[in-house]
Amino acid sequence: SSGINAEYGDLCEEKIGLADAGLQPVLQKMHNLYLISVVQDNIGFFLTNRLISKGAATALRSDFNSLIEEIAPDALALAEGFGITEEMLSAPIARDWELYNSYDNAGEMDKFEDLVR
């Protein structure tokens, strides 16, 4: 498992290194943001197996928020760079996901009702 993690880290570093030098800092921040979110999503596992200390786990939220703050000015350019269309940004779940998920929306599958029901 640690070999897979090392290979993943090496691959990501390699791919980030191939990007335009001006993009590398924001790509590294996005990669770090992703890694923090994976740890946060599985924090019980990491704490139970003593792979992270309580102090480090607590610091993740601050690190996450700092990265979000740093990435925020580039958000529109990143959305455009990843080909995220205005239609995608205007999807009900993209605007107010709490409201969108407060009722049964059939997972946006109503238009595919014949296929899924």
PDB file of N, CA and C in Angstrom:
ATOM      1  N   SER A   1       0.826  -1.202   0.000  1.00  0.00           N
ATOM      2  CA  SER A   1       0.000   0.000   0.000  1.00  0.00           C
ATOM      3  C   SER A   1       0.862   1.254   0.000  1.00  0.00           C
ATOM      4  N   SER A   2       1.938   1.285   0.822  1.00  0.00           N
ATOM      5  CA  SER A   2       2.780   2.473   0.828  1.00  0.00           C
ATOM      6  C   SER A   2       3.494   2.635  -0.509  1.00  0.00           C
ATOM      7  N   GLY A   3       3.784   1.522  -1.198  1.00  0.00           N
ATOM      8  CA  GLY A   3       4.378   1.599  -2.530  1.00  0.00           C
ATOM      9  C   GLY A   3       3.437   2.257  -3.520  1.00  0.00           C
ATOM     10  N   ILE A   4       2.158   1.913  -3.420  1.00  0.00           N
ATOM     11  CA  ILE A   4       1.157   2.529  -4.290  1.00  0.00           C
ATOM     12  C   ILE A   4       1.082   4.018  -4.000  1.00  0.00           C
ATOM     13  N   ASN A   5       1.072   4.382  -2.711  1.00  0.00           N
ATOM     14  CA  ASN A   5       1.007   5.792  -2.343  1.00  0.00           C
ATOM     15  C   ASN A   5       2.222   6.549  -2.868  1.00  0.00           C
ATOM     16  N   ALA A   6       3.399   5.946  -2.757  1.00  0.00           N
ATOM     17  CA  ALA A   6       4.617   6.588  -3.244  1.00  0.00           C
ATOM     18  C   ALA A   6       4.557   6.747  -4.759  1.00  0.00           C
ATOM     19  N   GLU A   7       4.078   5.718  -5.454  1.00  0.00           N
ATOM     20  CA  GLU A   7       3.955   5.802  -6.908  1.00  0.00           C
ATOM     21  C   GLU A   7       2.975   6.901  -7.296  1.00  0.00           C
ATOM     22  N   TYR A   8       1.851   6.991  -6.575  1.00  0.00           N
ATOM     23  CA  TYR A   8       0.853   8.035  -6.852  1.00  0.00           C
ATOM     24  C   TYR A   8       1.475   9.414  -6.644  1.00  0.00           C
ATOM     25  N   GLY A   9       2.176   9.589  -5.537  1.00  0.00           N
ATOM     26  CA  GLY A   9       2.813  10.869  -5.249  1.00  0.00           C
ATOM     27  C   GLY A   9       3.839  11.235  -6.305  1.00  0.00           C
ATOM     28  N   ASP A  10       4.656  10.254  -6.694  1.00  0.00           N
ATOM     29  CA  ASP A  10       5.669  10.495  -7.726  1.00  0.00           C
ATOM     30  C   ASP A  10       5.008  10.852  -9.064  1.00  0.00           C
ATOM     31  N   LEU A  11       3.941  10.146  -9.411  1.00  0.00           N
ATOM     32  CA  LEU A  11       3.245  10.404 -10.661  1.00  0.00           C
ATOM     33  C   LEU A  11       2.648  11.806 -10.670  1.00  0.00           C
ATOM     34  N   CYS A  12       2.026  12.196  -9.564  1.00  0.00           N
ATOM     35  CA  CYS A  12       1.437  13.535  -9.484  1.00  0.00           C
ATOM     36  C   CYS A  12       2.507  14.610  -9.590  1.00  0.00           C
ATOM     37  N   GLU A  13       3.605  14.417  -8.870  1.00  0.00           N
ATOM     38  CA  GLU A  13       4.701  15.391  -8.937  1.00  0.00           C
ATOM     39  C   GLU A  13       5.238  15.488 -10.361  1.00  0.00           C
ATOM     40  N   GLU A  14       5.361  14.336 -11.011  1.00  0.00           N
ATOM     41  CA  GLU A  14       5.854  14.315 -12.390  1.00  0.00           C
ATOM     42  C   GLU A  14       4.912  15.088 -13.308  1.00  0.00           C
ATOM     43  N   LYS A  15       3.613  14.835 -13.188  1.00  0.00           N
ATOM     44  CA  LYS A  15       2.632  15.491 -14.066  1.00  0.00           C
ATOM     45  C   LYS A  15       2.564  16.984 -13.783  1.00  0.00           C
ATOM     46  N   ILE A  16       2.620  17.359 -12.519  1.00  0.00           N
ATOM     47  CA  ILE A  16       2.622  18.786 -12.177  1.00  0.00           C
ATOM     48  C   ILE A  16       3.872  19.440 -12.761  1.00  0.00           C
ATOM     49  N   GLY A  17       4.992  18.742 -12.713  1.00  0.00           N
ATOM     50  CA  GLY A  17       6.240  19.258 -13.261  1.00  0.00           C
ATOM     51  C   GLY A  17       6.209  19.462 -14.769  1.00  0.00           C
ATOM     52  N   LEU A  18       5.324  18.739 -15.458  1.00  0.00           N
ATOM     53  CA  LEU A  18       5.200  18.886 -16.914  1.00  0.00           C
ATOM     54  C   LEU A  18       4.352  20.090 -17.313  1.00  0.00           C
ATOM     55  N   ALA A  19       3.587  20.600 -16.360  1.00  0.00           N
ATOM     56  CA  ALA A  19       2.703  21.730 -16.645  1.00  0.00           C
ATOM     57  C   ALA A  19       3.514  23.009 -16.817  1.00  0.00           C
ATOM     58  N   ASP A  20       2.899  23.982 -17.430  1.00  0.00           N
ATOM     59  CA  ASP A  20       3.500  25.290 -17.562  1.00  0.00           C
ATOM     60  C   ASP A  20       3.952  25.781 -16.185  1.00  0.00           C
ATOM     61  N   ALA A  21       5.124  26.370 -16.113  1.00  0.00           N
ATOM     62  CA  ALA A  21       5.699  26.804 -14.830  1.00  0.00           C
ATOM     63  C   ALA A  21       4.755  27.728 -14.065  1.00  0.00           C
ATOM     64  N   GLY A  22       3.981  28.527 -14.772  1.00  0.00           N
ATOM     65  CA  GLY A  22       3.037  29.425 -14.117  1.00  0.00           C
ATOM     66  C   GLY A  22       1.862  28.718 -13.472  1.00  0.00           C
ATOM     67  N   LEU A  23       1.559  27.513 -13.961  1.00  0.00           N
ATOM     68  CA  LEU A  23       0.445  26.737 -13.419  1.00  0.00           C
ATOM     69  C   LEU A  23       0.846  25.831 -12.260  1.00  0.00           C
ATOM     70  N   GLN A  24       2.107  25.510 -12.173  1.00  0.00           N
ATOM     71  CA  GLN A  24       2.560  24.539 -11.186  1.00  0.00           C
ATOM     72  C   GLN A  24       2.174  24.890  -9.744  1.00  0.00           C
ATOM     73  N   PRO A  25       2.316  26.143  -9.311  1.00  0.00           N
ATOM     74  CA  PRO A  25       1.944  26.438  -7.920  1.00  0.00           C
ATOM     75  C   PRO A  25       0.472  26.157  -7.609  1.00  0.00           C
ATOM     76  N   VAL A  26      -0.431  26.538  -8.506  1.00  0.00           N
ATOM     77  CA  VAL A  26      -1.858  26.308  -8.225  1.00  0.00           C
ATOM     78  C   VAL A  26      -2.198  24.824  -8.348  1.00  0.00           C
ATOM     79  N   LEU A  27      -1.547  24.118  -9.265  1.00  0.00           N
ATOM     80  CA  LEU A  27      -1.778  22.678  -9.368  1.00  0.00           C
ATOM     81  C   LEU A  27      -1.299  21.957  -8.112  1.00  0.00           C
ATOM     82  N   GLN A  28      -0.170  22.394  -7.566  1.00  0.00           N
ATOM     83  CA  GLN A  28       0.335  21.797  -6.328  1.00  0.00           C
ATOM     84  C   GLN A  28      -0.634  22.063  -5.180  1.00  0.00           C
ATOM     85  N   LYS A  29      -1.181  23.279  -5.129  1.00  0.00           N
ATOM     86  CA  LYS A  29      -2.154  23.608  -4.081  1.00  0.00           C
ATOM     87  C   LYS A  29      -3.410  22.754  -4.223  1.00  0.00           C
ATOM     88  N   MET A  30      -3.864  22.571  -5.465  1.00  0.00           N
ATOM     89  CA  MET A  30      -5.057  21.744  -5.681  1.00  0.00           C
ATOM     90  C   MET A  30      -4.783  20.293  -5.296  1.00  0.00           C
ATOM     91  N   HIS A  31      -3.601  19.810  -5.597  1.00  0.00           N
ATOM     92  CA  HIS A  31      -3.229  18.446  -5.224  1.00  0.00           C
ATOM     93  C   HIS A  31      -3.214  18.310  -3.702  1.00  0.00           C
ATOM     94  N   ASN A  32      -2.612  19.277  -3.027  1.00  0.00           N
ATOM     95  CA  ASN A  32      -2.585  19.256  -1.567  1.00  0.00           C
ATOM     96  C   ASN A  32      -3.993  19.322  -0.986  1.00  0.00           C
ATOM     97  N   LEU A  33      -4.850  20.134  -1.597  1.00  0.00           N
ATOM     98  CA  LEU A  33      -6.240  20.237  -1.157  1.00  0.00           C
ATOM     99  C   LEU A  33      -6.938  18.884  -1.284  1.00  0.00           C
ATOM    100  N   TYR A  34      -6.704  18.209  -2.395  1.00  0.00           N
ATOM    101  CA  TYR A  34      -7.280  16.878  -2.599  1.00  0.00           C
ATOM    102  C   TYR A  34      -6.791  15.895  -1.528  1.00  0.00           C
ATOM    103  N   LEU A  35      -5.485  15.898  -1.281  1.00  0.00           N
ATOM    104  CA  LEU A  35      -4.931  14.979  -0.291  1.00  0.00           C
ATOM    105  C   LEU A  35      -5.509  15.251   1.103  1.00  0.00           C
ATOM    106  N   ILE A  36      -5.631  16.518   1.469  1.00  0.00           N
ATOM    107  CA  ILE A  36      -6.226  16.861   2.768  1.00  0.00           C
ATOM    108  C   ILE A  36      -7.661  16.369   2.823  1.00  0.00           C
ATOM    109  N   SER A  37      -8.417  16.536   1.740  1.00  0.00           N
ATOM    110  CA  SER A  37      -9.822  16.101   1.749  1.00  0.00           C
ATOM    111  C   SER A  37      -9.927  14.583   1.885  1.00  0.00           C
ATOM    112  N   VAL A  38      -8.999  13.838   1.284  1.00  0.00           N
ATOM    113  CA  VAL A  38      -9.001  12.377   1.431  1.00  0.00           C
ATOM    114  C   VAL A  38      -8.757  11.994   2.887  1.00  0.00           C
ATOM    115  N   VAL A  39      -7.798  12.641   3.513  1.00  0.00           N
ATOM    116  CA  VAL A  39      -7.515  12.356   4.923  1.00  0.00           C
ATOM    117  C   VAL A  39      -8.717  12.745   5.781  1.00  0.00           C
ATOM    118  N   GLN A  40      -9.291  13.921   5.525  1.00  0.00           N
ATOM    119  CA  GLN A  40     -10.459  14.360   6.304  1.00  0.00           C
ATOM    120  C   GLN A  40     -11.623  13.382   6.153  1.00  0.00           C
ATOM    121  N   ASP A  41     -11.860  12.924   4.946  1.00  0.00           N
ATOM    122  CA  ASP A  41     -12.964  11.990   4.698  1.00  0.00           C
ATOM    123  C   ASP A  41     -12.759  10.651   5.398  1.00  0.00           C
ATOM    124  N   ASN A  42     -11.515  10.331   5.710  1.00  0.00           N
ATOM    125  CA  ASN A  42     -11.186   9.048   6.327  1.00  0.00           C
ATOM    126  C   ASN A  42     -10.462   9.235   7.656  1.00  0.00           C
ATOM    127  N   ILE A  43     -10.759  10.339   8.341  1.00  0.00           N
ATOM    128  CA  ILE A  43     -10.014  10.705   9.540  1.00  0.00           C
ATOM    129  C   ILE A  43     -10.089   9.628  10.623  1.00  0.00           C
ATOM    130  N   GLY A  44     -11.204   8.955  10.748  1.00  0.00           N
ATOM    131  CA  GLY A  44     -11.335   7.887  11.734  1.00  0.00           C
ATOM    132  C   GLY A  44     -10.312   6.785  11.508  1.00  0.00           C
ATOM    133  N   PHE A  45     -10.154   6.402  10.266  1.00  0.00           N
ATOM    134  CA  PHE A  45      -9.170   5.378   9.918  1.00  0.00           C
ATOM    135  C   PHE A  45      -7.756   5.835  10.283  1.00  0.00           C
ATOM    136  N   PHE A  46      -7.435   7.064   9.892  1.00  0.00           N
ATOM    137  CA  PHE A  46      -6.082   7.576  10.147  1.00  0.00           C
ATOM    138  C   PHE A  46      -5.803   7.699  11.639  1.00  0.00           C
ATOM    139  N   LEU A  47      -6.787   8.140  12.418  1.00  0.00           N
ATOM    140  CA  LEU A  47      -6.599   8.265  13.868  1.00  0.00           C
ATOM    141  C   LEU A  47      -6.537   6.898  14.541  1.00  0.00           C
ATOM    142  N   THR A  48      -7.456   6.017  14.186  1.00  0.00           N
ATOM    143  CA  THR A  48      -7.507   4.689  14.793  1.00  0.00           C
ATOM    144  C   THR A  48      -6.217   3.914  14.565  1.00  0.00           C
ATOM    145  N   ASN A  49      -5.661   4.050  13.390  1.00  0.00           N
ATOM    146  CA  ASN A  49      -4.432   3.333  13.043  1.00  0.00           C
ATOM    147  C   ASN A  49      -3.172   4.134  13.352  1.00  0.00           C
ATOM    148  N   ARG A  50      -3.370   5.229  14.055  1.00  0.00           N
ATOM    149  CA  ARG A  50      -2.265   6.101  14.485  1.00  0.00           C
ATOM    150  C   ARG A  50      -1.367   6.521  13.330  1.00  0.00           C
ATOM    151  N   LEU A  51      -2.009   6.817  12.213  1.00  0.00           N
ATOM    152  CA  LEU A  51      -1.283   7.301  11.047  1.00  0.00           C
ATOM    153  C   LEU A  51      -1.180   8.822  11.057  1.00  0.00           C
ATOM    154  N   ILE A  52      -1.954   9.440  11.963  1.00  0.00           N
ATOM    155  CA  ILE A  52      -1.950  10.883  12.123  1.00  0.00           C
ATOM    156  C   ILE A  52      -2.228  11.183  13.593  1.00  0.00           C
ATOM    157  N   SER A  53      -1.584  12.210  14.107  1.00  0.00           N
ATOM    158  CA  SER A  53      -1.810  12.582  15.506  1.00  0.00           C
ATOM    159  C   SER A  53      -3.080  13.428  15.616  1.00  0.00           C
ATOM    160  N   LYS A  54      -3.622  13.521  16.821  1.00  0.00           N
ATOM    161  CA  LYS A  54      -4.809  14.358  17.027  1.00  0.00           C
ATOM    162  C   LYS A  54      -4.506  15.806  16.669  1.00  0.00           C
ATOM    163  N   GLY A  55      -3.312  16.259  17.016  1.00  0.00           N
ATOM    164  CA  GLY A  55      -2.929  17.632  16.691  1.00  0.00           C
ATOM    165  C   GLY A  55      -2.883  17.880  15.196  1.00  0.00           C
ATOM    166  N   ALA A  56      -2.299  16.934  14.467  1.00  0.00           N
ATOM    167  CA  ALA A  56      -2.223  17.064  13.010  1.00  0.00           C
ATOM    168  C   ALA A  56      -3.619  16.990  12.396  1.00  0.00           C
ATOM    169  N   ALA A  57      -4.464  16.131  12.952  1.00  0.00           N
ATOM    170  CA  ALA A  57      -5.836  16.022  12.448  1.00  0.00           C
ATOM    171  C   ALA A  57      -6.584  17.333  12.647  1.00  0.00           C
ATOM    172  N   THR A  58      -6.379  17.953  13.788  1.00  0.00           N
ATOM    173  CA  THR A  58      -7.023  19.234  14.076  1.00  0.00           C
ATOM    174  C   THR A  58      -6.519  20.317  13.125  1.00  0.00           C
ATOM    175  N   ALA A  59      -5.243  20.279  12.803  1.00  0.00           N
ATOM    176  CA  ALA A  59      -4.640  21.291  11.928  1.00  0.00           C
ATOM    177  C   ALA A  59      -5.118  21.167  10.480  1.00  0.00           C
ATOM    178  N   LEU A  60      -5.656  20.010  10.096  1.00  0.00           N
ATOM    179  CA  LEU A  60      -6.103  19.818   8.723  1.00  0.00           C
ATOM    180  C   LEU A  60      -7.139  20.849   8.310  1.00  0.00           C
ATOM    181  N   ARG A  61      -8.072  21.165   9.181  1.00  0.00           N
ATOM    182  CA  ARG A  61      -9.134  22.127   8.849  1.00  0.00           C
ATOM    183  C   ARG A  61      -8.519  23.484   8.513  1.00  0.00           C
ATOM    184  N   SER A  62      -7.567  23.914   9.320  1.00  0.00           N
ATOM    185  CA  SER A  62      -6.908  25.197   9.074  1.00  0.00           C
ATOM    186  C   SER A  62      -6.126  25.164   7.762  1.00  0.00           C
ATOM    187  N   ASP A  63      -5.413  24.070   7.528  1.00  0.00           N
ATOM    188  CA  ASP A  63      -4.658  23.920   6.279  1.00  0.00           C
ATOM    189  C   ASP A  63      -5.600  23.931   5.072  1.00  0.00           C
ATOM    190  N   PHE A  64      -6.717  23.221   5.201  1.00  0.00           N
ATOM    191  CA  PHE A  64      -7.719  23.157   4.141  1.00  0.00           C
ATOM    192  C   PHE A  64      -8.240  24.559   3.840  1.00  0.00           C
ATOM    193  N   ASN A  65      -8.632  25.281   4.896  1.00  0.00           N
ATOM    194  CA  ASN A  65      -9.172  26.629   4.722  1.00  0.00           C
ATOM    195  C   ASN A  65      -8.147  27.572   4.111  1.00  0.00           C
ATOM    196  N   SER A  66      -6.898  27.451   4.509  1.00  0.00           N
ATOM    197  CA  SER A  66      -5.838  28.297   3.946  1.00  0.00           C
ATOM    198  C   SER A  66      -5.667  28.039   2.451  1.00  0.00           C
ATOM    199  N   LEU A  67      -5.688  26.772   2.073  1.00  0.00           N
ATOM    200  CA  LEU A  67      -5.549  26.447   0.652  1.00  0.00           C
ATOM    201  C   LEU A  67      -6.739  26.959  -0.153  1.00  0.00           C
ATOM    202  N   ILE A  68      -7.928  26.823   0.398  1.00  0.00           N
ATOM    203  CA  ILE A  68      -9.125  27.350  -0.283  1.00  0.00           C
ATOM    204  C   ILE A  68      -8.981  28.849  -0.497  1.00  0.00           C
ATOM    205  N   GLU A  69      -8.539  29.541   0.536  1.00  0.00           N
ATOM    206  CA  GLU A  69      -8.349  30.990   0.448  1.00  0.00           C
ATOM    207  C   GLU A  69      -7.304  31.343  -0.622  1.00  0.00           C
ATOM    208  N   GLU A  70      -6.246  30.563  -0.699  1.00  0.00           N
ATOM    209  CA  GLU A  70      -5.198  30.816  -1.689  1.00  0.00           C
ATOM    210  C   GLU A  70      -5.659  30.508  -3.111  1.00  0.00           C
ATOM    211  N   ILE A  71      -6.482  29.485  -3.264  1.00  0.00           N
ATOM    212  CA  ILE A  71      -6.943  29.059  -4.589  1.00  0.00           C
ATOM    213  C   ILE A  71      -8.106  29.915  -5.081  1.00  0.00           C
ATOM    214  N   ALA A  72      -8.885  30.484  -4.180  1.00  0.00           N
ATOM    215  CA  ALA A  72     -10.111  31.208  -4.536  1.00  0.00           C
ATOM    216  C   ALA A  72      -9.925  32.245  -5.644  1.00  0.00           C
ATOM    217  N   PRO A  73      -8.873  33.056  -5.621  1.00  0.00           N
ATOM    218  CA  PRO A  73      -8.733  34.048  -6.702  1.00  0.00           C
ATOM    219  C   PRO A  73      -8.598  33.416  -8.093  1.00  0.00           C
ATOM    220  N   ASP A  74      -8.171  32.170  -8.153  1.00  0.00           N
ATOM    221  CA  ASP A  74      -7.992  31.479  -9.429  1.00  0.00           C
ATOM    222  C   ASP A  74      -9.181  30.602  -9.799  1.00  0.00           C
ATOM    223  N   ALA A  75     -10.244  30.634  -9.000  1.00  0.00           N
ATOM    224  CA  ALA A  75     -11.358  29.697  -9.182  1.00  0.00           C
ATOM    225  C   ALA A  75     -11.987  29.788 -10.573  1.00  0.00           C
ATOM    226  N   LEU A  76     -12.250  30.976 -11.059  1.00  0.00           N
ATOM    227  CA  LEU A  76     -12.884  31.117 -12.371  1.00  0.00           C
ATOM    228  C   LEU A  76     -11.963  30.591 -13.477  1.00  0.00           C
ATOM    229  N   ALA A  77     -10.695  30.940 -13.414  1.00  0.00           N
ATOM    230  CA  ALA A  77      -9.739  30.460 -14.421  1.00  0.00           C
ATOM    231  C   ALA A  77      -9.618  28.938 -14.356  1.00  0.00           C
ATOM    232  N   LEU A  78      -9.639  28.372 -13.144  1.00  0.00           N
ATOM    233  CA  LEU A  78      -9.560  26.917 -13.005  1.00  0.00           C
ATOM    234  C   LEU A  78     -10.796  26.255 -13.597  1.00  0.00           C
ATOM    235  N   ALA A  79     -11.962  26.814 -13.318  1.00  0.00           N
ATOM    236  CA  ALA A  79     -13.199  26.253 -13.876  1.00  0.00           C
ATOM    237  C   ALA A  79     -13.153  26.294 -15.396  1.00  0.00           C
ATOM    238  N   GLU A  80     -12.682  27.396 -15.942  1.00  0.00           N
ATOM    239  CA  GLU A  80     -12.577  27.507 -17.402  1.00  0.00           C
ATOM    240  C   GLU A  80     -11.524  26.535 -17.940  1.00  0.00           C
ATOM    241  N   GLY A  81     -10.413  26.404 -17.231  1.00  0.00           N
ATOM    242  CA  GLY A  81      -9.337  25.514 -17.660  1.00  0.00           C
ATOM    243  C   GLY A  81      -9.740  24.048 -17.661  1.00  0.00           C
ATOM    244  N   PHE A  82     -10.637  23.687 -16.754  1.00  0.00           N
ATOM    245  CA  PHE A  82     -11.094  22.305 -16.687  1.00  0.00           C
ATOM    246  C   PHE A  82     -12.327  22.070 -17.557  1.00  0.00           C
ATOM    247  N   GLY A  83     -12.735  23.096 -18.295  1.00  0.00           N
ATOM    248  CA  GLY A  83     -13.862  22.948 -19.212  1.00  0.00           C
ATOM    249  C   GLY A  83     -15.204  22.853 -18.514  1.00  0.00           C
ATOM    250  N   ILE A  84     -15.301  23.428 -17.319  1.00  0.00           N
ATOM    251  CA  ILE A  84     -16.575  23.414 -16.591  1.00  0.00           C
ATOM    252  C   ILE A  84     -17.455  24.493 -17.199  1.00  0.00           C
ATOM    253  N   THR A  85     -18.540  24.081 -17.812  1.00  0.00           N
ATOM    254  CA  THR A  85     -19.404  24.997 -18.552  1.00  0.00           C
ATOM    255  C   THR A  85     -20.332  25.761 -17.619  1.00  0.00           C
ATOM    256  N   GLU A  86     -20.901  26.831 -18.134  1.00  0.00           N
ATOM    257  CA  GLU A  86     -21.871  27.615 -17.366  1.00  0.00           C
ATOM    258  C   GLU A  86     -23.078  26.744 -17.008  1.00  0.00           C
ATOM    259  N   GLU A  87     -23.434  25.833 -17.911  1.00  0.00           N
ATOM    260  CA  GLU A  87     -24.548  24.921 -17.637  1.00  0.00           C
ATOM    261  C   GLU A  87     -24.245  24.050 -16.409  1.00  0.00           C
ATOM    262  N   MET A  88     -23.013  23.569 -16.324  1.00  0.00           N
ATOM    263  CA  MET A  88     -22.625  22.766 -15.161  1.00  0.00           C
ATOM    264  C   MET A  88     -22.660  23.609 -13.889  1.00  0.00           C
ATOM    265  N   LEU A  89     -22.171  24.849 -13.992  1.00  0.00           N
ATOM    266  CA  LEU A  89     -22.164  25.726 -12.824  1.00  0.00           C
ATOM    267  C   LEU A  89     -23.574  26.115 -12.413  1.00  0.00           C
ATOM    268  N   SER A  90     -24.508  26.086 -13.368  1.00  0.00           N
ATOM    269  CA  SER A  90     -25.882  26.468 -13.082  1.00  0.00           C
ATOM    270  C   SER A  90     -26.757  25.293 -12.664  1.00  0.00           C
ATOM    271  N   ALA A  91     -26.200  24.099 -12.615  1.00  0.00           N
ATOM    272  CA  ALA A  91     -26.968  22.936 -12.166  1.00  0.00           C
ATOM    273  C   ALA A  91     -27.453  23.205 -10.748  1.00  0.00           C
ATOM    274  N   PRO A  92     -28.658  22.768 -10.419  1.00  0.00           N
ATOM    275  CA  PRO A  92     -29.203  23.045  -9.087  1.00  0.00           C
ATOM    276  C   PRO A  92     -28.254  22.670  -7.950  1.00  0.00           C
ATOM    277  N   ILE A  93     -27.575  21.566  -8.078  1.00  0.00           N
ATOM    278  CA  ILE A  93     -26.693  21.118  -6.999  1.00  0.00           C
ATOM    279  C   ILE A  93     -25.445  21.998  -6.890  1.00  0.00           C
ATOM    280  N   ALA A  94     -25.060  22.683  -7.982  1.00  0.00           N
ATOM    281  CA  ALA A  94     -23.871  23.531  -7.950  1.00  0.00           C
ATOM    282  C   ALA A  94     -24.124  24.849  -7.226  1.00  0.00           C
ATOM    283  N   ARG A  95     -25.352  25.284  -7.159  1.00  0.00           N
ATOM    284  CA  ARG A  95     -25.664  26.583  -6.554  1.00  0.00           C
ATOM    285  C   ARG A  95     -25.961  26.460  -5.063  1.00  0.00           C
ATOM    286  N   ASP A  96     -26.879  25.589  -4.702  1.00  0.00           N
ATOM    287  CA  ASP A  96     -27.263  25.452  -3.290  1.00  0.00           C
ATOM    288  C   ASP A  96     -27.489  23.975  -3.014  1.00  0.00           C
ATOM    289  N   TRP A  97     -26.402  23.262  -2.781  1.00  0.00           N
ATOM    290  CA  TRP A  97     -26.479  21.814  -2.645  1.00  0.00           C
ATOM    291  C   TRP A  97     -27.295  21.395  -1.434  1.00  0.00           C
ATOM    292  N   GLU A  98     -27.307  22.200  -0.361  1.00  0.00           N
ATOM    293  CA  GLU A  98     -28.102  21.826   0.816  1.00  0.00           C
ATOM    294  C   GLU A  98     -29.596  21.860   0.477  1.00  0.00           C
ATOM    295  N   LEU A  99     -30.041  22.925  -0.180  1.00  0.00           N
ATOM    296  CA  LEU A  99     -31.441  23.018  -0.598  1.00  0.00           C
ATOM    297  C   LEU A  99     -31.758  21.908  -1.601  1.00  0.00           C
ATOM    298  N   TYR A 100     -30.857  21.706  -2.563  1.00  0.00           N
ATOM    299  CA  TYR A 100     -31.081  20.704  -3.590  1.00  0.00           C
ATOM    300  C   TYR A 100     -31.256  19.314  -2.986  1.00  0.00           C
ATOM    301  N   ASN A 101     -30.504  19.016  -1.951  1.00  0.00           N
ATOM    302  CA  ASN A 101     -30.583  17.705  -1.326  1.00  0.00           C
ATOM    303  C   ASN A 101     -31.588  17.628  -0.187  1.00  0.00           C
ATOM    304  N   SER A 102     -32.360  18.683   0.029  1.00  0.00           N
ATOM    305  CA  SER A 102     -33.349  18.675   1.102  1.00  0.00           C
ATOM    306  C   SER A 102     -34.651  17.984   0.680  1.00  0.00           C
ATOM    307  N   TYR A 103     -34.754  17.630  -0.578  1.00  0.00           N
ATOM    308  CA  TYR A 103     -35.933  16.915  -1.077  1.00  0.00           C
ATOM    309  C   TYR A 103     -35.483  15.783  -1.999  1.00  0.00           C
ATOM    310  N   ASP A 104     -36.393  14.864  -2.285  1.00  0.00           N
ATOM    311  CA  ASP A 104     -36.052  13.744  -3.158  1.00  0.00           C
ATOM    312  C   ASP A 104     -35.979  14.237  -4.594  1.00  0.00           C
ATOM    313  N   ASN A 105     -34.789  14.340  -5.118  1.00  0.00           N
ATOM    314  CA  ASN A 105     -34.595  14.808  -6.488  1.00  0.00           C
ATOM    315  C   ASN A 105     -34.242  13.674  -7.437  1.00  0.00           C
ATOM    316  N   ALA A 106     -34.397  12.460  -6.972  1.00  0.00           N
ATOM    317  CA  ALA A 106     -34.120  11.253  -7.772  1.00  0.00           C
ATOM    318  C   ALA A 106     -32.719  11.288  -8.356  1.00  0.00           C
ATOM    319  N   GLY A 107     -31.821  11.972  -7.644  1.00  0.00           N
ATOM    320  CA  GLY A 107     -30.433  12.020  -8.110  1.00  0.00           C
ATOM    321  C   GLY A 107     -30.297  12.612  -9.495  1.00  0.00           C
ATOM    322  N   GLU A 108     -31.157  13.570  -9.836  1.00  0.00           N
ATOM    323  CA  GLU A 108     -31.172  14.215 -11.148  1.00  0.00           C
ATOM    324  C   GLU A 108     -31.471  13.225 -12.262  1.00  0.00           C
ATOM    325  N   MET A 109     -32.097  12.136 -11.929  1.00  0.00           N
ATOM    326  CA  MET A 109     -32.318  11.078 -12.913  1.00  0.00           C
ATOM    327  C   MET A 109     -33.734  11.070 -13.481  1.00  0.00           C
ATOM    328  N   ASP A 110     -34.543  12.071 -13.154  1.00  0.00           N
ATOM    329  CA  ASP A 110     -35.920  12.082 -13.645  1.00  0.00           C
ATOM    330  C   ASP A 110     -36.006  11.929 -15.165  1.00  0.00           C
ATOM    331  N   LYS A 111     -35.111  12.611 -15.889  1.00  0.00           N
ATOM    332  CA  LYS A 111     -35.176  12.535 -17.350  1.00  0.00           C
ATOM    333  C   LYS A 111     -34.773  11.159 -17.880  1.00  0.00           C
ATOM    334  N   PHE A 112     -34.181  10.339 -17.003  1.00  0.00           N
ATOM    335  CA  PHE A 112     -33.781   8.990 -17.390  1.00  0.00           C
ATOM    336  C   PHE A 112     -34.665   7.940 -16.726  1.00  0.00           C
ATOM    337  N   GLU A 113     -35.870   8.350 -16.321  1.00  0.00           N
ATOM    338  CA  GLU A 113     -36.754   7.490 -15.551  1.00  0.00           C
ATOM    339  C   GLU A 113     -36.957   6.120 -16.191  1.00  0.00           C
ATOM    340  N   ASP A 114     -37.105   6.087 -17.507  1.00  0.00           N
ATOM    341  CA  ASP A 114     -37.322   4.805 -18.181  1.00  0.00           C
ATOM    342  C   ASP A 114     -36.126   3.874 -18.039  1.00  0.00           C
ATOM    343  N   LEU A 115     -34.947   4.441 -17.924  1.00  0.00           N
ATOM    344  CA  LEU A 115     -33.733   3.636 -17.838  1.00  0.00           C
ATOM    345  C   LEU A 115     -33.464   3.117 -16.436  1.00  0.00           C
ATOM    346  N   VAL A 116     -33.868   3.873 -15.407  1.00  0.00           N
ATOM    347  CA  VAL A 116     -33.491   3.513 -14.047  1.00  0.00           C
ATOM    348  C   VAL A 116     -34.629   2.951 -13.210  1.00  0.00           C
ATOM    349  N   ARG A 117     -35.828   2.997 -13.697  1.00  0.00           N
ATOM    350  CA  ARG A 117     -36.954   2.491 -12.889  1.00  0.00           C
ATOM    351  C   ARG A 117     -37.696   1.425 -13.607  1.00  0.00           C
TER     352      ARG A 117
END
